[in-house]
Full PDB file with SEQRES, HELIX, SHEET, SSBOND, CRYST1, ORIGX, SCALE, CONECT and MASTER records, all heavy atoms in Angstrom:
SEQRES   1 A   35  LEU ALA ALA VAL LYS GLY GLY LYS SER ILE ASP THR SER          
SEQRES   2 A   35  MET GLY PHE THR PRO LEU ALA GLY VAL MET MET GLY THR          
SEQRES   3 A   35  ARG SER GLY SER ILE ASP PRO SER VAL                          
SHEET    1 AA1 2 ALA A   2  LYS A   5  0                                        
SHEET    2 AA1 2 LYS A   8  THR A  12 -1                                        
CRYST1    1.000    1.000    1.000  90.00  90.00  90.00 P 1           1          
ORIGX1      1.000000  0.000000  0.000000        0.00000                         
ORIGX2      0.000000  1.000000  0.000000        0.00000                         
ORIGX3      0.000000  0.000000  1.000000        0.00000                         
SCALE1      1.000000  0.000000  0.000000        0.00000                         
SCALE2      0.000000  1.000000  0.000000        0.00000                         
SCALE3      0.000000  0.000000  1.000000        0.00000                         
ATOM      1  N   LEU A   1       8.805  73.110 -22.385  1.00  0.00           N  
ATOM      2  CA  LEU A   1       9.689  73.759 -21.423  1.00  0.00           C  
ATOM      3  C   LEU A   1      10.384  74.915 -22.117  1.00  0.00           C  
ATOM      4  O   LEU A   1      10.522  74.919 -23.351  1.00  0.00           O  
ATOM      5  CB  LEU A   1      10.735  72.782 -20.884  1.00  0.00           C  
ATOM      6  CG  LEU A   1      10.257  71.732 -19.873  1.00  0.00           C  
ATOM      7  CD1 LEU A   1       9.505  70.611 -20.565  1.00  0.00           C  
ATOM      8  CD2 LEU A   1      11.434  71.157 -19.091  1.00  0.00           C  
ATOM      9  N   ALA A   2      10.811  75.892 -21.325  1.00  0.00           N  
ATOM     10  CA  ALA A   2      11.544  77.021 -21.895  1.00  0.00           C  
ATOM     11  C   ALA A   2      12.691  77.414 -20.977  1.00  0.00           C  
ATOM     12  O   ALA A   2      12.583  77.326 -19.751  1.00  0.00           O  
ATOM     13  CB  ALA A   2      10.620  78.216 -22.121  1.00  0.00           C  
ATOM     14  N   ALA A   3      13.784  77.823 -21.590  1.00  0.00           N  
ATOM     15  CA  ALA A   3      14.920  78.400 -20.867  1.00  0.00           C  
ATOM     16  C   ALA A   3      14.791  79.911 -20.984  1.00  0.00           C  
ATOM     17  O   ALA A   3      14.857  80.463 -22.091  1.00  0.00           O  
ATOM     18  CB  ALA A   3      16.231  77.917 -21.477  1.00  0.00           C  
ATOM     19  N   VAL A   4      14.572  80.570 -19.853  1.00  0.00           N  
ATOM     20  CA  VAL A   4      14.340  82.018 -19.839  1.00  0.00           C  
ATOM     21  C   VAL A   4      15.491  82.683 -19.081  1.00  0.00           C  
ATOM     22  O   VAL A   4      15.623  82.535 -17.872  1.00  0.00           O  
ATOM     23  CB  VAL A   4      12.990  82.355 -19.174  1.00  0.00           C  
ATOM     24  CG1 VAL A   4      12.734  83.858 -19.227  1.00  0.00           C  
ATOM     25  CG2 VAL A   4      11.846  81.600 -19.857  1.00  0.00           C  
ATOM     26  N   LYS A   5      16.307  83.397 -19.804  1.00  0.00           N  
ATOM     27  CA  LYS A   5      17.499  84.032 -19.222  1.00  0.00           C  
ATOM     28  C   LYS A   5      17.366  85.545 -19.326  1.00  0.00           C  
ATOM     29  O   LYS A   5      17.208  86.085 -20.425  1.00  0.00           O  
ATOM     30  CB  LYS A   5      18.754  83.558 -19.965  1.00  0.00           C  
ATOM     31  CG  LYS A   5      20.063  83.987 -19.317  1.00  0.00           C  
ATOM     32  CD  LYS A   5      21.242  83.353 -20.044  1.00  0.00           C  
ATOM     33  CE  LYS A   5      22.567  83.705 -19.363  1.00  0.00           C  
ATOM     34  NZ  LYS A   5      23.719  83.067 -20.057  1.00  0.00           N  
ATOM     35  N   GLY A   6      17.389  86.197 -18.173  1.00  0.00           N  
ATOM     36  CA  GLY A   6      17.247  87.648 -18.174  1.00  0.00           C  
ATOM     37  C   GLY A   6      15.908  88.124 -18.685  1.00  0.00           C  
ATOM     38  O   GLY A   6      15.793  89.219 -19.240  1.00  0.00           O  
ATOM     39  N   GLY A   7      14.888  87.290 -18.536  1.00  0.00           N  
ATOM     40  CA  GLY A   7      13.542  87.648 -18.977  1.00  0.00           C  
ATOM     41  C   GLY A   7      13.246  87.316 -20.415  1.00  0.00           C  
ATOM     42  O   GLY A   7      12.129  87.560 -20.897  1.00  0.00           O  
ATOM     43  N   LYS A   8      14.218  86.742 -21.128  1.00  0.00           N  
ATOM     44  CA  LYS A   8      14.029  86.407 -22.540  1.00  0.00           C  
ATOM     45  C   LYS A   8      14.147  84.907 -22.772  1.00  0.00           C  
ATOM     46  O   LYS A   8      15.012  84.241 -22.185  1.00  0.00           O  
ATOM     47  CB  LYS A   8      15.066  87.137 -23.403  1.00  0.00           C  
ATOM     48  CG  LYS A   8      14.910  88.650 -23.377  1.00  0.00           C  
ATOM     49  CD  LYS A   8      15.947  89.314 -24.270  1.00  0.00           C  
ATOM     50  CE  LYS A   8      15.764  90.836 -24.264  1.00  0.00           C  
ATOM     51  NZ  LYS A   8      16.758  91.498 -25.159  1.00  0.00           N  
ATOM     52  N   SER A   9      13.287  84.391 -23.644  1.00  0.00           N  
ATOM     53  CA  SER A   9      13.367  82.983 -24.009  1.00  0.00           C  
ATOM     54  C   SER A   9      14.583  82.766 -24.898  1.00  0.00           C  
ATOM     55  O   SER A   9      14.727  83.407 -25.937  1.00  0.00           O  
ATOM     56  CB  SER A   9      12.097  82.555 -24.760  1.00  0.00           C  
ATOM     57  OG  SER A   9      12.232  81.237 -25.264  1.00  0.00           O  
ATOM     58  N   ILE A  10      15.466  81.851 -24.476  1.00  0.00           N  
ATOM     59  CA  ILE A  10      16.634  81.556 -25.307  1.00  0.00           C  
ATOM     60  C   ILE A  10      16.552  80.148 -25.901  1.00  0.00           C  
ATOM     61  O   ILE A  10      17.353  79.796 -26.764  1.00  0.00           O  
ATOM     62  CB  ILE A  10      17.956  81.742 -24.539  1.00  0.00           C  
ATOM     63  CG1 ILE A  10      18.087  80.746 -23.387  1.00  0.00           C  
ATOM     64  CG2 ILE A  10      18.092  83.173 -24.048  1.00  0.00           C  
ATOM     65  CD1 ILE A  10      19.494  80.661 -22.831  1.00  0.00           C  
ATOM     66  N   ASP A  11      15.572  79.360 -25.447  1.00  0.00           N  
ATOM     67  CA  ASP A  11      15.318  78.054 -26.064  1.00  0.00           C  
ATOM     68  C   ASP A  11      14.000  77.522 -25.522  1.00  0.00           C  
ATOM     69  O   ASP A  11      13.546  77.904 -24.437  1.00  0.00           O  
ATOM     70  CB  ASP A  11      16.438  77.057 -25.784  1.00  0.00           C  
ATOM     71  CG  ASP A  11      16.504  75.938 -26.838  1.00  0.00           C  
ATOM     72  OD1 ASP A  11      15.611  75.881 -27.714  1.00  0.00           O  
ATOM     73  OD2 ASP A  11      17.449  75.134 -26.779  1.00  0.00           O  
ATOM     74  N   THR A  12      13.386  76.638 -26.281  1.00  0.00           N  
ATOM     75  CA  THR A  12      12.138  76.004 -25.857  1.00  0.00           C  
ATOM     76  C   THR A  12      12.030  74.649 -26.534  1.00  0.00           C  
ATOM     77  O   THR A  12      12.668  74.403 -27.567  1.00  0.00           O  
ATOM     78  CB  THR A  12      10.929  76.904 -26.175  1.00  0.00           C  
ATOM     79  OG1 THR A  12       9.747  76.347 -25.588  1.00  0.00           O  
ATOM     80  CG2 THR A  12      10.727  77.061 -27.679  1.00  0.00           C  
ATOM     81  N   SER A  13      11.242  73.756 -25.946  1.00  0.00           N  
ATOM     82  CA  SER A  13      11.274  72.363 -26.392  1.00  0.00           C  
ATOM     83  C   SER A  13      10.417  72.081 -27.622  1.00  0.00           C  
ATOM     84  O   SER A  13      10.755  71.213 -28.428  1.00  0.00           O  
ATOM     85  CB  SER A  13      10.859  71.433 -25.245  1.00  0.00           C  
ATOM     86  OG  SER A  13       9.577  71.768 -24.749  1.00  0.00           O  
ATOM     87  N   MET A  14       9.290  72.777 -27.794  1.00  0.00           N  
ATOM     88  CA  MET A  14       8.517  72.594 -29.022  1.00  0.00           C  
ATOM     89  C   MET A  14       9.271  73.210 -30.188  1.00  0.00           C  
ATOM     90  O   MET A  14      10.160  74.040 -29.987  1.00  0.00           O  
ATOM     91  CB  MET A  14       7.119  73.202 -28.879  1.00  0.00           C  
ATOM     92  CG  MET A  14       6.172  72.362 -28.038  1.00  0.00           C  
ATOM     93  SD  MET A  14       4.525  73.103 -27.915  1.00  0.00           S  
ATOM     94  CE  MET A  14       3.618  71.741 -27.168  1.00  0.00           C  
ATOM     95  N   GLY A  15       8.923  72.830 -31.395  1.00  0.00           N  
ATOM     96  CA  GLY A  15       9.748  73.232 -32.519  1.00  0.00           C  
ATOM     97  C   GLY A  15       9.021  73.922 -33.644  1.00  0.00           C  
ATOM     98  O   GLY A  15       8.366  74.945 -33.459  1.00  0.00           O  
ATOM     99  N   PHE A  16       9.150  73.363 -34.848  1.00  0.00           N  
ATOM    100  CA  PHE A  16       8.450  73.864 -36.037  1.00  0.00           C  
ATOM    101  C   PHE A  16       6.946  73.776 -35.818  1.00  0.00           C  
ATOM    102  O   PHE A  16       6.182  74.618 -36.276  1.00  0.00           O  
ATOM    103  CB  PHE A  16       8.886  73.014 -37.239  1.00  0.00           C  
ATOM    104  CG  PHE A  16       8.237  73.387 -38.546  1.00  0.00           C  
ATOM    105  CD1 PHE A  16       8.429  74.642 -39.107  1.00  0.00           C  
ATOM    106  CD2 PHE A  16       7.453  72.466 -39.226  1.00  0.00           C  
ATOM    107  CE1 PHE A  16       7.842  74.976 -40.324  1.00  0.00           C  
ATOM    108  CE2 PHE A  16       6.865  72.789 -40.445  1.00  0.00           C  
ATOM    109  CZ  PHE A  16       7.060  74.045 -40.988  1.00  0.00           C  
ATOM    110  N   THR A  17       6.524  72.754 -35.091  1.00  0.00           N  
ATOM    111  CA  THR A  17       5.128  72.564 -34.707  1.00  0.00           C  
ATOM    112  C   THR A  17       5.078  72.185 -33.223  1.00  0.00           C  
ATOM    113  O   THR A  17       6.110  71.888 -32.615  1.00  0.00           O  
ATOM    114  CB  THR A  17       4.458  71.441 -35.525  1.00  0.00           C  
ATOM    115  OG1 THR A  17       4.974  70.173 -35.073  1.00  0.00           O  
ATOM    116  CG2 THR A  17       4.721  71.606 -37.020  1.00  0.00           C  
ATOM    117  N   PRO A  18       3.878  72.139 -32.645  1.00  0.00           N  
ATOM    118  CA  PRO A  18       3.748  71.711 -31.237  1.00  0.00           C  
ATOM    119  C   PRO A  18       3.948  70.209 -31.030  1.00  0.00           C  
ATOM    120  O   PRO A  18       3.743  69.715 -29.927  1.00  0.00           O  
ATOM    121  CB  PRO A  18       2.308  72.117 -30.878  1.00  0.00           C  
ATOM    122  CG  PRO A  18       1.930  73.155 -31.867  1.00  0.00           C  
ATOM    123  CD  PRO A  18       2.626  72.741 -33.132  1.00  0.00           C  
ATOM    124  N   LEU A  19       4.363  69.492 -32.071  1.00  0.00           N  
ATOM    125  CA  LEU A  19       4.597  68.054 -31.940  1.00  0.00           C  
ATOM    126  C   LEU A  19       5.962  67.755 -31.320  1.00  0.00           C  
ATOM    127  O   LEU A  19       6.147  66.714 -30.681  1.00  0.00           O  
ATOM    128  CB  LEU A  19       4.494  67.384 -33.322  1.00  0.00           C  
ATOM    129  CG  LEU A  19       4.757  65.880 -33.412  1.00  0.00           C  
ATOM    130  CD1 LEU A  19       3.803  65.090 -32.526  1.00  0.00           C  
ATOM    131  CD2 LEU A  19       4.645  65.414 -34.871  1.00  0.00           C  
ATOM    132  N   ALA A  20       6.916  68.655 -31.505  1.00  0.00           N  
ATOM    133  CA  ALA A  20       8.288  68.401 -31.054  1.00  0.00           C  
ATOM    134  C   ALA A  20       8.442  68.589 -29.553  1.00  0.00           C  
ATOM    135  O   ALA A  20       7.608  69.195 -28.892  1.00  0.00           O  
ATOM    136  CB  ALA A  20       9.252  69.321 -31.799  1.00  0.00           C  
ATOM    137  N   GLY A  21       9.537  68.049 -29.021  1.00  0.00           N  
ATOM    138  CA  GLY A  21       9.873  68.253 -27.625  1.00  0.00           C  
ATOM    139  C   GLY A  21       9.668  67.020 -26.783  1.00  0.00           C  
ATOM    140  O   GLY A  21       9.946  65.897 -27.222  1.00  0.00           O  
ATOM    141  N   VAL A  22       9.186  67.232 -25.557  1.00  0.00           N  
ATOM    142  CA  VAL A  22       8.988  66.117 -24.628  1.00  0.00           C  
ATOM    143  C   VAL A  22       7.715  65.350 -24.984  1.00  0.00           C  
ATOM    144  O   VAL A  22       6.844  65.848 -25.691  1.00  0.00           O  
ATOM    145  CB  VAL A  22       8.927  66.600 -23.160  1.00  0.00           C  
ATOM    146  CG1 VAL A  22      10.215  67.303 -22.775  1.00  0.00           C  
ATOM    147  CG2 VAL A  22       7.721  67.519 -22.920  1.00  0.00           C  
ATOM    148  N   MET A  23       7.620  64.145 -24.484  1.00  0.00           N  
ATOM    149  CA  MET A  23       6.410  63.328 -24.626  1.00  0.00           C  
ATOM    150  C   MET A  23       5.215  64.068 -24.007  1.00  0.00           C  
ATOM    151  O   MET A  23       5.348  64.758 -23.000  1.00  0.00           O  
ATOM    152  CB  MET A  23       6.665  62.010 -23.907  1.00  0.00           C  
ATOM    153  CG  MET A  23       5.511  61.067 -23.786  1.00  0.00           C  
ATOM    154  SD  MET A  23       6.108  59.666 -22.790  1.00  0.00           S  
ATOM    155  CE  MET A  23       4.659  58.655 -22.710  1.00  0.00           C  
ATOM    156  N   MET A  24       4.035  63.916 -24.622  1.00  0.00           N  
ATOM    157  CA  MET A  24       2.840  64.625 -24.140  1.00  0.00           C  
ATOM    158  C   MET A  24       1.666  63.652 -23.998  1.00  0.00           C  
ATOM    159  O   MET A  24       1.849  62.436 -24.037  1.00  0.00           O  
ATOM    160  CB  MET A  24       2.498  65.764 -25.102  1.00  0.00           C  
ATOM    161  CG  MET A  24       3.656  66.723 -25.313  1.00  0.00           C  
ATOM    162  SD  MET A  24       3.333  67.987 -26.553  1.00  0.00           S  
ATOM    163  CE  MET A  24       4.887  67.967 -27.454  1.00  0.00           C  
ATOM    164  N   GLY A  25       0.467  64.199 -23.827  1.00  0.00           N  
ATOM    165  CA  GLY A  25      -0.708  63.365 -23.627  1.00  0.00           C  
ATOM    166  C   GLY A  25      -0.964  62.417 -24.779  1.00  0.00           C  
ATOM    167  O   GLY A  25      -1.091  61.199 -24.597  1.00  0.00           O  
ATOM    168  N   THR A  26      -1.053  62.981 -26.007  1.00  0.00           N  
ATOM    169  CA  THR A  26      -1.259  62.157 -27.201  1.00  0.00           C  
ATOM    170  C   THR A  26      -0.152  62.331 -28.228  1.00  0.00           C  
ATOM    171  O   THR A  26      -0.131  61.634 -29.239  1.00  0.00           O  
ATOM    172  CB  THR A  26      -2.598  62.501 -27.893  1.00  0.00           C  
ATOM    173  OG1 THR A  26      -2.554  63.865 -28.358  1.00  0.00           O  
ATOM    174  CG2 THR A  26      -3.769  62.323 -26.950  1.00  0.00           C  
ATOM    175  N   ARG A  27       0.756  63.275 -28.000  1.00  0.00           N  
ATOM    176  CA  ARG A  27       1.829  63.563 -28.962  1.00  0.00           C  
ATOM    177  C   ARG A  27       3.121  62.864 -28.556  1.00  0.00           C  
ATOM    178  O   ARG A  27       3.454  62.783 -27.383  1.00  0.00           O  
ATOM    179  CB  ARG A  27       2.053  65.073 -29.058  1.00  0.00           C  
ATOM    180  CG  ARG A  27       1.015  65.791 -29.883  1.00  0.00           C  
ATOM    181  CD  ARG A  27       1.138  67.294 -29.756  1.00  0.00           C  
ATOM    182  NE  ARG A  27       0.096  67.849 -28.912  1.00  0.00           N  
ATOM    183  CZ  ARG A  27       0.026  69.119 -28.537  1.00  0.00           C  
ATOM    184  NH1 ARG A  27       0.949  69.983 -28.920  1.00  0.00           N  
ATOM    185  NH2 ARG A  27      -0.967  69.544 -27.774  1.00  0.00           N  
ATOM    186  N   SER A  28       3.845  62.407 -29.558  1.00  0.00           N  
ATOM    187  CA  SER A  28       5.064  61.633 -29.308  1.00  0.00           C  
ATOM    188  C   SER A  28       6.189  62.466 -28.742  1.00  0.00           C  
ATOM    189  O   SER A  28       7.045  61.963 -28.013  1.00  0.00           O  
ATOM    190  CB  SER A  28       5.545  60.992 -30.616  1.00  0.00           C  
ATOM    191  OG  SER A  28       5.909  62.009 -31.558  1.00  0.00           O  
ATOM    192  N   GLY A  29       6.213  63.776 -29.085  1.00  0.00           N  
ATOM    193  CA  GLY A  29       7.419  64.551 -28.841  1.00  0.00           C  
ATOM    194  C   GLY A  29       8.459  64.189 -29.884  1.00  0.00           C  
ATOM    195  O   GLY A  29       8.159  63.537 -30.894  1.00  0.00           O  
ATOM    196  N   SER A  30       9.684  64.610 -29.688  1.00  0.00           N  
ATOM    197  CA  SER A  30      10.738  64.393 -30.677  1.00  0.00           C  
ATOM    198  C   SER A  30      11.145  62.919 -30.759  1.00  0.00           C  
ATOM    199  O   SER A  30      11.393  62.273 -29.744  1.00  0.00           O  
ATOM    200  CB  SER A  30      11.970  65.238 -30.317  1.00  0.00           C  
ATOM    201  OG  SER A  30      11.643  66.611 -30.320  1.00  0.00           O  
ATOM    202  N   ILE A  31      11.169  62.411 -31.985  1.00  0.00           N  
ATOM    203  CA  ILE A  31      11.605  61.035 -32.243  1.00  0.00           C  
ATOM    204  C   ILE A  31      12.536  61.029 -33.450  1.00  0.00           C  
ATOM    205  O   ILE A  31      12.676  62.038 -34.141  1.00  0.00           O  
ATOM    206  CB  ILE A  31      10.409  60.085 -32.513  1.00  0.00           C  
ATOM    207  CG1 ILE A  31       9.640  60.549 -33.771  1.00  0.00           C  
ATOM    208  CG2 ILE A  31       9.481  59.990 -31.317  1.00  0.00           C  
ATOM    209  CD1 ILE A  31       8.656  59.517 -34.296  1.00  0.00           C  
ATOM    210  N   ASP A  32      13.167  59.888 -33.713  1.00  0.00           N  
ATOM    211  CA  ASP A  32      14.000  59.723 -34.906  1.00  0.00           C  
ATOM    212  C   ASP A  32      13.110  59.901 -36.145  1.00  0.00           C  
ATOM    213  O   ASP A  32      12.154  59.147 -36.337  1.00  0.00           O  
ATOM    214  CB  ASP A  32      14.618  58.323 -34.896  1.00  0.00           C  
ATOM    215  CG  ASP A  32      15.580  58.086 -36.054  1.00  0.00           C  
ATOM    216  OD1 ASP A  32      15.522  58.826 -37.050  1.00  0.00           O  
ATOM    217  OD2 ASP A  32      16.379  57.140 -35.958  1.00  0.00           O  
ATOM    218  N   PRO A  33      13.389  60.895 -37.022  1.00  0.00           N  
ATOM    219  CA  PRO A  33      12.556  61.116 -38.206  1.00  0.00           C  
ATOM    220  C   PRO A  33      12.480  59.905 -39.140  1.00  0.00           C  
ATOM    221  O   PRO A  33      11.521  59.779 -39.920  1.00  0.00           O  
ATOM    222  CB  PRO A  33      13.233  62.299 -38.907  1.00  0.00           C  
ATOM    223  CG  PRO A  33      14.030  62.968 -37.848  1.00  0.00           C  
ATOM    224  CD  PRO A  33      14.474  61.884 -36.919  1.00  0.00           C  
ATOM    225  N   SER A  34      13.462  58.996 -39.067  1.00  0.00           N  
ATOM    226  CA  SER A  34      13.454  57.825 -39.943  1.00  0.00           C  
ATOM    227  C   SER A  34      12.283  56.889 -39.652  1.00  0.00           C  
ATOM    228  O   SER A  34      11.930  56.050 -40.489  1.00  0.00           O  
ATOM    229  CB  SER A  34      14.768  57.048 -39.806  1.00  0.00           C  
ATOM    230  OG  SER A  34      15.847  57.822 -40.270  1.00  0.00           O  
ATOM    231  N   VAL A  35      11.676  57.036 -38.475  1.00  0.00           N  
ATOM    232  CA  VAL A  35      10.481  56.243 -38.162  1.00  0.00           C  
ATOM    233  C   VAL A  35       9.388  56.509 -39.189  1.00  0.00           C  
ATOM    234  O   VAL A  35       8.645  55.606 -39.584  1.00  0.00           O  
ATOM    235  CB  VAL A  35       9.977  56.560 -36.734  1.00  0.00           C  
ATOM    236  CG1 VAL A  35       8.606  55.926 -36.477  1.00  0.00           C  
ATOM    237  CG2 VAL A  35      10.982  56.086 -35.694  1.00  0.00           C  
TER     238      VAL A  35                                                      
MASTER        0    0    0    0    2    0    0    6  237    1    0    3          
END                                                                             
């Protein structure tokens, strides 16, 4: 997902890699790193 304000992305759910963010087909999304 992305927050687009005035035509510019000001935040998005994926992170350093495409693993972060919401739950996906085979990817966990963001979880507690201690796991």
